[in-house]
Amino acid sequence: PVSKLPFIQVMHEQSAVHIADAHYRVTGQPIAACTSIGPGATNTIIGLATAHCDSTALLLITGSAATHMRGHGVMQELDRFASPDFPHIVAPVTKRTFDVIRADQVPFVLHRAWNAMLTGRPGPVHMEVPLDVQVETTDIDVADLATRLPVGKPRADAQAIEAGIKLLLTAKRPCIVVGGGAISANATPELTTLVERLGIPVVFTWNGKGAIAEDNPMCAGTAGWPGSLPGNNTAANADVVMSLGCRFTDWSASSYRKGVTFSIPDGKLIQVDIDPREIGKNYPAEVGIAADCKLVLADILAGISNDQAHKARQSRASYLSHVEVLKKQWEEKLERRRSYKAIPTTMLRTLRELRKVLPRNGIVTVGSGHPQSTTKQAFPVYEPRTHITSGSFSSMGFALPAAIGAKLAKPDTPVVCIIGDGDFMMSVQELAVCAMYDIPVVFLILNNSGYISIRDGQNYLIGRQIGSEFNHHNGDGRPYSVDFVSLAKSFGFEVATKVQAEDDIGSNIKRALDSKAPALVEVPITRDVSVAAAEVVGWWDFPVLPTASEAVKADYKAGYAAEQHRRSASDVELSEPVSAVG
């Protein structure tokens, strides 16, 4: 019999998992990816790790050796540690792995898999089906999935809600930091209502972008090493920080250097997360709430009267005015990069032109490196589930197949993949999928001929670069680039252009969007670190060599000593790396 399930054939197994991952991020509904035994299965590890780190749900089904052949070292079998071995490989990057050894187990395992994926903190699940089980036939009854899943989400107790309300109402400079957990919880309506009622600025992590519209006056910007000045300033000077589904990773918290992005303490933290393991992990929580973000916000709103809300907002008038001044100053600071008048151009100029022609509900998938940090910092997002990026694992090779997954999930919504040339080449083969299935994604290649974010870090930390620029190394050293337009056309793309003048960026992107076909737009990007990409406004703990400059070593030593995730001054002294002081 022919399956009624739609099937998308990809060119690399990693991409299959990224497509499923993006589908969940856009819709909140998991789908499955499947591969063969052995190398086909192991090719999925980066995809699983990406989903696991960002807490997105999907099901991976892989084959394995027939049960009666296990342990014999048959073709593509991994058996030296255990038989089967692949479940041990995926265990660290999945919520659960299942081994099906009889066909009649399949319905039961699928129910358990869906339960594991969607209960509590979402995540990927693996299911292994041996070859002999795949060909086995049996008559089975399949129970309704709804009867195998829990009803409702975890809710906070009244005491925790009251404690949170008290802090929010009495705070002089409150701030809410939003992570991906708030978007997974579909908490945008409650969040928007709360911050507008109480007058609380909001800052985002990578995966939190879009939780409220970035043109909402309560939006203060982004937080962290590649954040924004108003976002970091607001969060660092807050006397009360409420976090929603945010893990406080090093990039979102400037490696915990006090006063750069957060100051906890002296600021007090209300931490809300579906996963109790995250509560108090990186910062001490005054109020730790292990519950669903949407329900927590709803309960807080219900517990605050209109009079209380009005008084709280009125008391913060000067504070909110100060945040507005910071935002205006930030926009002025970015203008030089946004209005750059040359080709090669800047990423900020390109993103400005994209935002002009992309509808508010348009979806962007964003690659790693400078495109990721620049988009976080300078590309406004207006709706949840429209900014898709590998926020925690920062996987190269994610954005291209993720764009395919997003478009499959939302076929009537424009989807643009913002990606660097190096990242693009990691999964370029999936252009064939767009051509074969006529999936109208626009690929916006920001081409600076290299892994330039890595190059810039190398130059700063060690004063030289290696393996990070694409050049004609046996020739005159000029930058090397693939002919992306010809490449796209070789895959079957009829719409593929390279921007020749900065004033043509927007029109090229609009033409690609209007074509309703798979399309590629290449934009040459300058390698000039002073203007090319994001402003570095936070701090990142990246240990330095003894040969680094004295200024770099001094900055690292000061930053390391100010990190708040250690518990005491003696802890800092004992663990201070020798390389930091040379």
Protein backbone atom coordinates (compact mmCIF):
# COMPACT_ATOMS: atom_id res chain seq x y z
CA PRO A 1 0.00 0.00 0.00
CA VAL A 2 1.09 3.57 -0.70
CA SER A 3 1.56 5.74 2.39
CA LYS A 4 -0.62 8.83 2.68
CA LEU A 5 2.09 10.60 4.65
CA PRO A 6 3.97 13.23 2.61
CA PHE A 7 7.65 12.34 2.30
CA ILE A 8 10.49 14.75 1.53
CA GLN A 9 13.72 13.22 0.21
CA VAL A 10 16.83 15.13 1.31
CA MET A 11 20.43 14.86 0.21
CA HIS A 12 22.03 14.48 3.65
CA GLU A 13 20.57 12.94 6.79
CA GLN A 14 21.61 15.86 9.00
CA SER A 15 19.36 18.07 6.92
CA ALA A 16 16.37 15.80 7.51
CA VAL A 17 16.63 16.42 11.24
CA HIS A 18 17.10 20.17 10.77
CA ILE A 19 13.96 20.26 8.58
CA ALA A 20 11.95 18.48 11.29
CA ASP A 21 13.45 20.77 13.94
CA ALA A 22 12.41 23.93 12.07
CA HIS A 23 8.92 22.56 11.47
CA TYR A 24 8.46 22.31 15.24
CA ARG A 25 9.89 25.78 15.88
CA VAL A 26 7.44 27.32 13.41
CA THR A 27 4.30 25.35 14.34
CA GLY A 28 4.85 23.77 17.75
CA GLN A 29 3.99 20.42 16.17
CA PRO A 30 6.62 17.65 15.88
CA ILE A 31 7.24 15.59 12.76
CA ALA A 32 9.53 12.64 12.04
CA ALA A 33 12.78 12.11 10.17
CA CYS A 34 14.05 8.68 9.21
CA THR A 35 17.39 7.24 8.11
CA SER A 36 19.09 3.96 7.43
CA ILE A 37 21.44 2.06 9.71
CA GLY A 38 25.07 3.04 10.37
CA PRO A 39 26.45 6.15 8.65
CA GLY A 40 22.97 7.32 7.69
CA ALA A 41 22.05 7.29 11.36
CA THR A 42 25.28 8.83 12.65
CA ASN A 43 24.94 11.69 10.16
CA THR A 44 22.02 12.94 12.25
CA ILE A 45 24.00 13.69 15.42
CA ILE A 46 24.51 17.42 14.75
CA GLY A 47 20.82 17.77 13.97
CA LEU A 48 19.82 16.02 17.18
CA ALA A 49 22.28 18.07 19.24
CA THR A 50 20.91 21.28 17.73
CA ALA A 51 17.34 20.33 18.62
CA HIS A 52 18.34 19.08 22.06
CA CYS A 53 20.19 22.27 23.00
CA ASP A 54 17.31 24.48 21.83
CA SER A 55 14.62 22.21 23.31
CA THR A 56 12.73 21.43 20.11
CA ALA A 57 10.71 18.27 19.59
CA LEU A 58 11.08 15.79 16.73
CA LEU A 59 11.14 12.03 16.22
CA LEU A 60 14.12 10.33 14.57
CA ILE A 61 13.53 6.78 13.33
CA THR A 62 16.62 4.79 12.34
CA GLY A 63 17.23 1.27 11.17
CA SER A 64 19.56 -1.26 12.79
CA ALA A 65 20.84 -4.75 12.22
CA ALA A 66 18.27 -7.54 12.31
CA THR A 67 17.78 -8.78 15.86
CA HIS A 68 19.10 -12.25 15.01
CA MET A 69 22.26 -10.73 13.46
CA ARG A 70 23.10 -8.27 16.24
CA GLY A 71 26.62 -8.44 17.56
CA HIS A 72 28.06 -10.17 14.49
CA GLY A 73 29.49 -6.96 13.06
CA VAL A 74 27.24 -6.99 10.02
CA MET A 75 27.44 -4.28 7.39
CA GLN A 76 27.23 -0.81 9.00
CA GLU A 77 26.64 -2.20 12.51
CA LEU A 78 28.22 -0.53 15.53
CA ASP A 79 28.73 -3.28 18.10
CA ARG A 80 32.06 -3.01 19.95
CA PHE A 81 30.65 -1.41 23.10
CA ALA A 82 27.11 -2.77 23.04
CA SER A 83 24.71 -4.25 20.54
CA PRO A 84 23.01 -2.14 19.35
CA ASP A 85 25.43 0.73 19.91
CA PHE A 86 23.74 3.68 18.18
CA PRO A 87 21.30 4.36 21.05
CA HIS A 88 24.35 4.98 23.26
CA ILE A 89 25.61 7.56 20.76
CA VAL A 90 22.34 9.51 20.65
CA ALA A 91 21.58 9.28 24.37
CA PRO A 92 23.30 12.59 25.29
CA VAL A 93 21.44 14.51 22.56
CA THR A 94 17.91 13.12 22.96
CA LYS A 95 15.29 13.05 25.69
CA ARG A 96 14.75 9.34 25.20
CA THR A 97 15.78 6.51 22.88
CA PHE A 98 13.65 3.42 22.18
CA ASP A 99 14.62 0.04 20.70
CA VAL A 100 11.70 -1.73 19.00
CA ILE A 101 12.27 -5.51 18.85
CA ARG A 102 8.75 -6.62 17.78
CA ALA A 103 6.29 -5.07 15.36
CA ASP A 104 3.49 -5.14 17.92
CA GLN A 105 5.55 -2.76 20.11
CA VAL A 106 5.41 0.06 17.55
CA PRO A 107 2.15 1.73 18.69
CA PHE A 108 3.21 1.60 22.33
CA VAL A 109 6.65 3.05 21.57
CA LEU A 110 5.20 5.80 19.38
CA HIS A 111 2.89 6.82 22.21
CA ARG A 112 5.78 6.90 24.66
CA ALA A 113 7.91 8.82 22.16
CA TRP A 114 5.27 11.52 21.71
CA ASN A 115 4.83 11.71 25.46
CA ALA A 116 8.57 12.17 25.97
CA MET A 117 8.88 14.77 23.21
CA LEU A 118 6.09 17.02 24.42
CA THR A 119 5.92 16.59 28.20
CA GLY A 120 7.74 19.26 30.17
CA ARG A 121 10.74 20.61 28.33
CA PRO A 122 10.44 19.60 24.65
CA GLY A 123 13.21 17.68 22.94
CA PRO A 124 14.12 15.13 20.26
CA VAL A 125 13.41 11.42 20.68
CA HIS A 126 15.01 8.48 18.88
CA MET A 127 13.38 5.20 17.87
CA GLU A 128 15.44 2.32 16.44
CA VAL A 129 13.72 -0.33 14.31
CA PRO A 130 15.77 -3.43 13.30
CA LEU A 131 15.55 -4.70 9.73
CA ASP A 132 13.59 -7.84 10.59
CA VAL A 133 11.04 -5.84 12.57
CA GLN A 134 10.57 -3.52 9.59
CA VAL A 135 9.31 -6.42 7.45
CA GLU A 136 7.25 -8.09 10.17
CA THR A 137 3.46 -7.96 9.82
CA THR A 138 0.95 -8.20 12.63
CA ASP A 139 -2.60 -7.17 13.53
CA ILE A 140 -2.62 -4.55 16.27
CA ASP A 141 -5.01 -2.07 17.82
CA VAL A 142 -3.76 1.51 17.99
CA ALA A 143 -5.03 3.58 20.91
CA ASP A 144 -5.91 7.24 20.48
CA LEU A 145 -2.75 9.29 21.10
CA ALA A 146 -4.74 11.80 23.15
CA THR A 147 -5.35 9.11 25.77
CA ARG A 148 -1.60 8.60 26.20
CA LEU A 149 -0.59 12.23 26.73
CA PRO A 150 -0.89 14.33 29.90
CA VAL A 151 -3.54 17.03 29.99
CA GLY A 152 -2.49 20.54 30.98
CA LYS A 153 0.83 22.14 31.91
CA PRO A 154 2.57 22.56 35.28
CA ARG A 155 1.30 25.58 37.18
CA ALA A 156 3.01 27.53 39.96
CA ASP A 157 1.66 27.52 43.49
CA ALA A 158 -0.03 30.63 44.84
CA GLN A 159 2.84 31.48 47.20
CA ALA A 160 5.35 31.67 44.35
CA ILE A 161 3.01 33.83 42.28
CA GLU A 162 2.48 36.20 45.20
CA ALA A 163 6.23 36.51 45.77
CA GLY A 164 6.78 37.27 42.10
CA ILE A 165 4.01 39.87 42.04
CA LYS A 166 5.45 41.63 45.07
CA LEU A 167 8.85 41.97 43.45
CA LEU A 168 7.41 43.17 40.13
CA LEU A 169 5.21 45.80 41.77
CA THR A 170 7.89 47.21 44.08
CA ALA A 171 10.78 47.18 41.61
CA LYS A 172 12.07 50.57 40.49
CA ARG A 173 13.92 49.25 37.42
CA PRO A 174 12.38 45.89 36.49
CA CYS A 175 13.31 43.99 33.36
CA ILE A 176 12.03 40.79 31.74
CA VAL A 177 14.48 38.63 29.79
CA VAL A 178 12.78 36.27 27.35
CA GLY A 179 14.20 33.02 26.03
CA GLY A 180 12.93 30.35 23.70
CA GLY A 181 10.86 28.74 26.45
CA ALA A 182 8.40 31.63 26.36
CA ILE A 183 7.84 31.13 22.64
CA SER A 184 7.45 27.36 23.07
CA ALA A 185 4.81 28.11 25.69
CA ASN A 186 2.95 30.47 23.31
CA ALA A 187 3.17 33.15 25.98
CA THR A 188 3.18 36.22 23.70
CA PRO A 189 -0.35 37.49 24.54
CA GLU A 190 0.19 37.30 28.30
CA LEU A 191 3.71 38.71 28.09
CA THR A 192 2.63 41.67 25.98
CA THR A 193 -0.25 42.46 28.31
CA LEU A 194 1.91 42.24 31.43
CA VAL A 195 4.72 44.50 30.23
CA GLU A 196 2.32 47.09 28.87
CA ARG A 197 0.23 47.14 32.06
CA LEU A 198 3.19 47.39 34.43
CA GLY A 199 5.69 49.28 32.28
CA ILE A 200 8.45 46.65 32.21
CA PRO A 201 11.12 46.68 29.47
CA VAL A 202 11.80 43.38 27.71
CA VAL A 203 15.11 42.05 26.40
CA PHE A 204 15.59 38.94 24.27
CA THR A 205 18.03 36.09 23.92
CA TRP A 206 18.58 34.62 20.45
CA ASN A 207 15.67 32.21 20.70
CA GLY A 208 13.46 34.74 22.46
CA LYS A 209 13.31 37.17 19.54
CA GLY A 210 9.73 37.68 18.47
CA ALA A 211 8.17 36.93 21.85
CA ILE A 212 6.82 40.48 21.65
CA ALA A 213 6.98 42.76 18.63
CA GLU A 214 10.25 44.65 18.52
CA ASP A 215 8.46 47.88 17.65
CA ASN A 216 6.54 47.65 20.92
CA PRO A 217 7.75 50.52 23.16
CA MET A 218 8.45 48.00 25.92
CA CYS A 219 11.06 46.21 23.80
CA ALA A 220 14.53 47.30 24.98
CA GLY A 221 16.60 45.13 22.64
CA THR A 222 18.72 42.02 22.88
CA ALA A 223 20.93 40.74 25.67
CA GLY A 224 24.41 39.31 25.78
CA TRP A 225 27.75 39.37 24.04
CA PRO A 226 26.16 40.05 20.63
CA GLY A 227 23.29 41.97 22.19
CA SER A 228 22.44 45.66 22.06
CA LEU A 229 23.53 48.55 24.25
CA PRO A 230 20.00 49.39 25.47
CA GLY A 231 19.27 45.70 26.06
CA ASN A 232 22.42 45.11 28.07
CA ASN A 233 22.20 48.41 29.93
CA THR A 234 18.58 47.82 30.91
CA ALA A 235 19.24 44.28 32.11
CA ALA A 236 22.49 45.10 33.90
CA ASN A 237 20.95 47.95 35.89
CA ALA A 238 17.67 46.22 36.75
CA ASP A 239 16.87 45.81 40.42
CA VAL A 240 14.51 42.94 39.52
CA VAL A 241 14.98 40.61 36.55
CA MET A 242 12.24 38.17 35.57
CA SER A 243 13.42 35.46 33.19
CA LEU A 244 11.02 33.43 31.06
CA GLY A 245 12.34 30.20 29.56
CA CYS A 246 15.90 31.54 29.55
CA ARG A 247 18.91 29.40 30.51
CA PHE A 248 21.35 32.32 30.91
CA THR A 249 23.93 30.85 28.56
CA ASP A 250 27.33 32.53 28.37
CA TRP A 251 26.49 34.38 25.14
CA SER A 252 23.18 35.64 26.51
CA ALA A 253 24.73 36.67 29.83
CA SER A 254 28.15 37.96 28.66
CA SER A 255 29.77 35.00 30.41
CA TYR A 256 28.26 36.21 33.70
CA ARG A 257 30.58 39.24 33.93
CA LYS A 258 28.81 41.48 36.43
CA GLY A 259 27.46 44.73 35.09
CA VAL A 260 27.82 43.89 31.41
CA THR A 261 24.50 42.16 30.78
CA PHE A 262 23.25 41.16 34.23
CA SER A 263 24.09 42.02 37.83
CA ILE A 264 22.59 39.18 39.87
CA PRO A 265 23.13 39.94 42.68
CA ASP A 266 22.62 42.84 43.43
CA GLY A 267 19.55 42.54 41.24
CA LYS A 268 16.92 40.01 42.31
CA LEU A 269 15.88 37.22 39.97
CA ILE A 270 12.44 35.75 39.38
CA GLN A 271 13.27 32.70 37.28
CA VAL A 272 10.48 30.89 35.42
CA ASP A 273 11.31 27.69 33.55
CA ILE A 274 9.48 24.49 32.70
CA ASP A 275 12.65 22.56 33.65
CA PRO A 276 13.45 22.69 37.38
CA ARG A 277 17.09 21.87 36.62
CA GLU A 278 17.51 25.36 35.16
CA ILE A 279 16.31 27.16 38.29
CA GLY A 280 19.27 28.77 40.07
CA LYS A 281 21.80 27.05 37.81
CA ASN A 282 23.71 30.13 36.67
CA TYR A 283 22.30 32.87 38.90
CA PRO A 284 20.70 32.66 42.36
CA ALA A 285 16.92 32.98 42.13
CA GLU A 286 15.01 35.04 44.68
CA VAL A 287 11.86 33.35 43.38
CA GLY A 288 12.32 30.15 41.38
CA ILE A 289 9.23 28.89 39.57
CA ALA A 290 9.31 25.56 37.72
CA ALA A 291 6.16 25.91 35.64
CA ASP A 292 4.78 26.81 32.23
CA CYS A 293 5.60 30.43 31.27
CA LYS A 294 2.18 31.15 29.79
CA LEU A 295 0.34 29.98 32.90
CA VAL A 296 2.69 31.82 35.25
CA LEU A 297 2.12 35.08 33.38
CA ALA A 298 -1.64 34.51 33.35
CA ASP A 299 -1.64 33.94 37.11
CA ILE A 300 0.46 37.04 37.72
CA LEU A 301 -1.89 39.13 35.59
CA ALA A 302 -4.88 37.78 37.48
CA GLY A 303 -3.24 38.70 40.79
CA ILE A 304 -2.62 42.37 39.95
CA SER A 305 -5.44 44.89 40.15
CA ASN A 306 -5.81 47.72 37.65
CA ASP A 307 -4.99 50.21 40.39
CA GLN A 308 -1.78 48.38 41.31
CA ALA A 309 -0.76 48.17 37.66
CA HIS A 310 -1.44 51.87 37.08
CA LYS A 311 0.61 52.94 40.11
CA ALA A 312 3.51 50.68 39.13
CA ARG A 313 3.63 52.01 35.59
CA GLN A 314 3.34 55.63 36.69
CA SER A 315 6.23 55.19 39.12
CA ARG A 316 8.45 54.05 36.22
CA ALA A 317 7.85 56.95 33.86
CA SER A 318 11.36 58.37 34.13
CA TYR A 319 12.89 54.89 33.93
CA LEU A 320 11.03 54.10 30.72
CA SER A 321 12.03 57.47 29.29
CA HIS A 322 15.66 56.61 30.01
CA VAL A 323 15.30 53.31 28.15
CA GLU A 324 13.84 55.19 25.17
CA VAL A 325 16.88 57.49 25.14
CA LEU A 326 19.19 54.46 25.13
CA LYS A 327 17.27 52.95 22.22
CA LYS A 328 17.51 56.16 20.22
CA GLN A 329 21.25 56.41 20.87
CA TRP A 330 21.66 52.79 19.78
CA GLU A 331 19.85 53.36 16.50
CA GLU A 332 22.10 56.36 15.83
CA LYS A 333 25.17 54.24 16.55
CA LEU A 334 24.07 51.59 14.03
CA GLU A 335 23.29 54.09 11.29
CA ARG A 336 26.83 54.16 9.89
CA ARG A 337 26.67 50.44 9.17
CA ARG A 338 23.05 50.50 8.02
CA SER A 339 23.56 53.29 5.50
CA TYR A 340 26.87 52.01 4.11
CA LYS A 341 27.25 53.11 0.49
CA ALA A 342 29.46 50.64 -1.35
CA ILE A 343 29.69 47.11 -2.69
CA PRO A 344 30.91 45.00 -0.97
CA THR A 345 28.43 46.30 1.61
CA THR A 346 27.63 45.54 5.25
CA MET A 347 25.35 42.98 6.80
CA LEU A 348 23.36 45.72 8.54
CA ARG A 349 22.67 47.49 5.24
CA THR A 350 21.49 44.20 3.75
CA LEU A 351 19.25 43.40 6.71
CA ARG A 352 17.71 46.88 6.60
CA GLU A 353 16.77 46.35 2.96
CA LEU A 354 15.39 42.88 3.71
CA ARG A 355 13.19 44.20 6.52
CA LYS A 356 11.71 46.81 4.18
CA VAL A 357 10.38 44.18 1.75
CA LEU A 358 9.63 41.24 4.07
CA PRO A 359 6.10 41.20 5.58
CA ARG A 360 5.80 41.41 9.36
CA ASN A 361 4.90 37.73 9.52
CA GLY A 362 7.74 36.71 7.20
CA ILE A 363 10.00 33.98 8.57
CA VAL A 364 13.79 34.16 8.62
CA THR A 365 16.11 31.26 9.31
CA VAL A 366 19.54 32.49 10.29
CA GLY A 367 22.95 30.88 9.92
CA SER A 368 25.86 30.92 12.34
CA GLY A 369 28.63 33.45 12.73
CA HIS A 370 28.29 37.13 11.87
CA PRO A 371 24.87 36.69 10.19
CA GLN A 372 23.51 35.23 13.43
CA SER A 373 24.84 37.91 15.78
CA THR A 374 24.01 40.74 13.38
CA THR A 375 20.45 39.55 12.84
CA LYS A 376 19.96 39.22 16.58
CA GLN A 377 21.26 42.71 17.14
CA ALA A 378 19.85 44.69 14.24
CA PHE A 379 16.99 42.88 12.48
CA PRO A 380 13.62 43.57 14.14
CA VAL A 381 11.20 40.65 14.46
CA TYR A 382 7.50 41.21 15.05
CA GLU A 383 5.87 37.83 15.63
CA PRO A 384 6.77 34.67 17.55
CA ARG A 385 8.11 31.68 15.61
CA THR A 386 9.36 33.88 12.77
CA HIS A 387 13.04 34.04 13.80
CA ILE A 388 14.59 30.58 13.57
CA THR A 389 18.24 30.02 14.47
CA SER A 390 20.47 27.48 16.19
CA GLY A 391 20.76 29.61 19.30
CA SER A 392 22.54 27.27 21.69
CA PHE A 393 24.54 24.87 19.48
CA SER A 394 25.09 27.48 16.74
CA SER A 395 25.31 24.75 14.14
CA MET A 396 26.64 25.56 10.71
CA GLY A 397 24.55 23.78 8.11
CA PHE A 398 21.30 24.43 10.01
CA ALA A 399 19.79 27.50 8.38
CA LEU A 400 19.44 26.19 4.81
CA PRO A 401 17.45 23.02 5.61
CA ALA A 402 15.67 24.89 8.41
CA ALA A 403 14.32 27.28 5.79
CA ILE A 404 12.94 24.30 3.88
CA GLY A 405 11.29 23.00 7.05
CA ALA A 406 9.81 26.41 7.82
CA LYS A 407 8.36 26.74 4.32
CA LEU A 408 6.88 23.24 4.44
CA ALA A 409 5.27 24.18 7.76
CA LYS A 410 3.97 27.56 6.53
CA PRO A 411 3.62 27.32 2.74
CA ASP A 412 1.75 30.63 2.48
CA THR A 413 4.31 32.64 4.47
CA PRO A 414 7.47 34.11 2.90
CA VAL A 415 10.64 32.41 4.15
CA VAL A 416 14.13 33.88 3.77
CA CYS A 417 17.34 32.10 4.76
CA ILE A 418 19.95 34.62 5.97
CA ILE A 419 23.25 32.81 5.69
CA GLY A 420 26.98 33.32 5.22
CA ASP A 421 28.85 31.75 2.36
CA GLY A 422 30.77 29.31 4.57
CA ASP A 423 27.63 28.15 6.34
CA PHE A 424 25.79 27.86 3.02
CA MET A 425 28.40 25.45 1.68
CA MET A 426 27.81 23.12 4.64
CA SER A 427 24.39 22.10 3.29
CA VAL A 428 24.34 23.47 -0.25
CA GLN A 429 23.22 20.10 -1.61
CA GLU A 430 19.73 20.72 -0.24
CA LEU A 431 19.09 23.27 -3.00
CA ALA A 432 18.18 20.16 -4.95
CA VAL A 433 15.29 19.56 -2.53
CA CYS A 434 13.91 23.04 -3.23
CA ALA A 435 14.17 22.42 -6.95
CA MET A 436 12.68 18.90 -6.88
CA TYR A 437 9.71 19.83 -4.70
CA ASP A 438 9.38 23.46 -5.88
CA ILE A 439 9.79 24.88 -2.38
CA PRO A 440 9.93 28.70 -2.78
CA VAL A 441 12.56 29.70 -0.23
CA VAL A 442 14.73 32.78 -0.80
CA PHE A 443 18.39 32.18 0.09
CA LEU A 444 20.10 35.46 0.99
CA ILE A 445 23.84 34.76 0.94
CA LEU A 446 25.99 37.28 2.81
CA ASN A 447 29.26 36.52 1.06
CA ASN A 448 32.48 37.63 2.75
CA SER A 449 34.55 34.70 1.47
CA GLY A 450 35.29 32.94 4.71
CA TYR A 451 34.48 32.18 8.32
CA ILE A 452 35.05 35.83 9.14
CA SER A 453 33.60 35.77 12.66
CA ILE A 454 36.27 33.18 13.49
CA ARG A 455 38.93 35.26 11.73
CA ASP A 456 38.02 38.34 13.75
CA GLY A 457 38.25 36.37 16.99
CA GLN A 458 41.63 34.96 16.00
CA ASN A 459 43.00 38.39 15.16
CA TYR A 460 41.85 39.79 18.49
CA LEU A 461 42.99 36.91 20.68
CA ILE A 462 46.22 35.75 19.03
CA GLY A 463 47.05 38.48 16.56
CA ARG A 464 46.92 36.25 13.49
CA GLN A 465 44.47 34.14 11.51
CA ILE A 466 44.51 30.61 10.18
CA GLY A 467 41.94 28.57 8.27
CA SER A 468 39.29 31.27 8.41
CA GLU A 469 39.50 33.16 5.09
CA PHE A 470 38.76 31.71 1.67
CA ASN A 471 41.63 32.95 -0.51
CA HIS A 472 43.62 31.85 -3.55
CA HIS A 473 46.47 30.62 -1.33
CA ASN A 474 48.64 29.42 -4.21
CA GLY A 475 48.01 32.53 -6.26
CA ASP A 476 47.84 36.20 -5.49
CA GLY A 477 45.93 35.75 -2.22
CA ARG A 478 42.75 37.42 -3.46
CA PRO A 479 39.46 36.23 -1.90
CA TYR A 480 38.01 33.04 -3.32
CA SER A 481 34.29 32.61 -3.89
CA VAL A 482 32.04 30.08 -5.48
CA ASP A 483 29.94 31.42 -8.34
CA PHE A 484 26.73 31.11 -6.35
CA VAL A 485 24.48 32.30 -9.16
CA SER A 486 25.74 29.63 -11.55
CA LEU A 487 25.64 27.07 -8.77
CA ALA A 488 21.98 27.80 -8.02
CA LYS A 489 21.10 27.61 -11.69
CA SER A 490 22.86 24.26 -11.97
CA PHE A 491 20.46 22.97 -9.31
CA GLY A 492 17.51 24.19 -11.36
CA PHE A 493 16.89 27.64 -9.85
CA GLU A 494 15.51 30.08 -12.41
CA VAL A 495 15.85 33.06 -10.05
CA ALA A 496 19.44 33.70 -8.96
CA THR A 497 21.18 37.08 -8.83
CA LYS A 498 24.28 38.78 -7.45
CA VAL A 499 23.84 42.33 -6.20
CA GLN A 500 26.06 44.79 -8.08
CA ALA A 501 25.11 48.04 -6.28
CA GLU A 502 23.98 48.72 -2.72
CA ASP A 503 20.84 50.50 -3.91
CA ASP A 504 19.75 47.31 -5.67
CA ILE A 505 19.75 45.06 -2.60
CA GLY A 506 16.09 45.57 -1.74
CA SER A 507 14.84 45.27 -5.32
CA ASN A 508 16.75 42.02 -5.81
CA ILE A 509 15.27 40.53 -2.65
CA LYS A 510 11.76 41.71 -3.54
CA ARG A 511 12.05 40.21 -7.01
CA ALA A 512 13.07 36.90 -5.45
CA LEU A 513 10.14 36.97 -3.00
CA ASP A 514 7.67 37.93 -5.72
CA SER A 515 8.81 35.07 -7.95
CA LYS A 516 7.11 32.49 -5.68
CA ALA A 517 9.91 30.14 -6.73
CA PRO A 518 13.13 28.85 -5.17
CA ALA A 519 15.48 31.83 -5.41
CA LEU A 520 18.98 32.95 -4.45
CA VAL A 521 20.33 36.46 -3.89
CA GLU A 522 24.06 36.90 -3.27
CA VAL A 523 25.24 40.07 -1.54
CA PRO A 524 29.01 40.73 -1.40
CA ILE A 525 29.96 41.71 2.16
CA THR A 526 33.06 43.64 3.16
CA ARG A 527 35.63 41.95 5.38
CA ASP A 528 36.28 45.22 7.24
CA VAL A 529 35.68 44.30 10.87
CA SER A 530 34.90 47.92 11.81
CA VAL A 531 31.68 48.00 9.78
CA ALA A 532 30.91 44.55 8.35
CA ALA A 533 28.71 43.00 11.01
CA ALA A 534 27.44 43.41 14.57
CA GLU A 535 28.76 45.77 17.21
CA VAL A 536 30.46 43.87 20.04
CA VAL A 537 28.76 45.26 23.13
CA GLY A 538 29.04 42.44 25.67
CA TRP A 539 31.81 40.16 26.85
CA TRP A 540 32.69 36.55 26.14
CA ASP A 541 34.97 34.36 28.26
CA PHE A 542 37.40 33.08 25.64
CA PRO A 543 40.72 32.15 27.33
CA VAL A 544 43.72 33.92 25.81
CA LEU A 545 47.27 32.82 25.10
CA PRO A 546 50.27 34.13 27.07
CA THR A 547 51.45 35.68 23.79
CA ALA A 548 48.35 37.88 23.51
CA SER A 549 48.75 41.63 23.87
CA GLU A 550 48.90 43.10 27.35
CA ALA A 551 45.61 44.90 26.76
CA VAL A 552 43.84 41.67 25.77
CA LYS A 553 45.28 39.81 28.77
CA ALA A 554 44.30 42.59 31.15
CA ASP A 555 40.75 42.69 29.81
CA TYR A 556 40.41 38.93 30.11
CA LYS A 557 41.75 38.88 33.66
CA ALA A 558 39.35 41.63 34.73
CA GLY A 559 36.40 39.98 33.04
CA TYR A 560 37.19 36.56 34.45
CA ALA A 561 37.44 37.95 37.97
CA ALA A 562 34.04 39.65 37.62
CA GLU A 563 32.13 36.54 36.52
CA GLN A 564 29.23 35.86 38.87
CA HIS A 565 28.72 32.14 38.33
CA ARG A 566 31.53 31.39 40.80
CA ARG A 567 30.53 31.46 44.42
CA SER A 568 33.30 33.39 46.17
CA ALA A 569 36.40 35.50 45.71
CA SER A 570 38.60 32.57 46.74
CA ASP A 571 36.90 30.49 44.07
CA VAL A 572 38.01 33.03 41.49
CA GLU A 573 41.58 33.03 42.79
CA LEU A 574 41.87 29.23 42.83
CA SER A 575 40.49 28.76 39.34
CA GLU A 576 42.15 31.67 37.55
CA PRO A 577 43.75 30.32 34.36
CA VAL A 578 47.50 30.77 34.03
CA SER A 579 47.14 31.77 30.39
CA ALA A 580 45.07 34.78 31.37
CA VAL A 581 48.00 36.48 33.08
CA GLY A 582 50.82 35.16 30.91
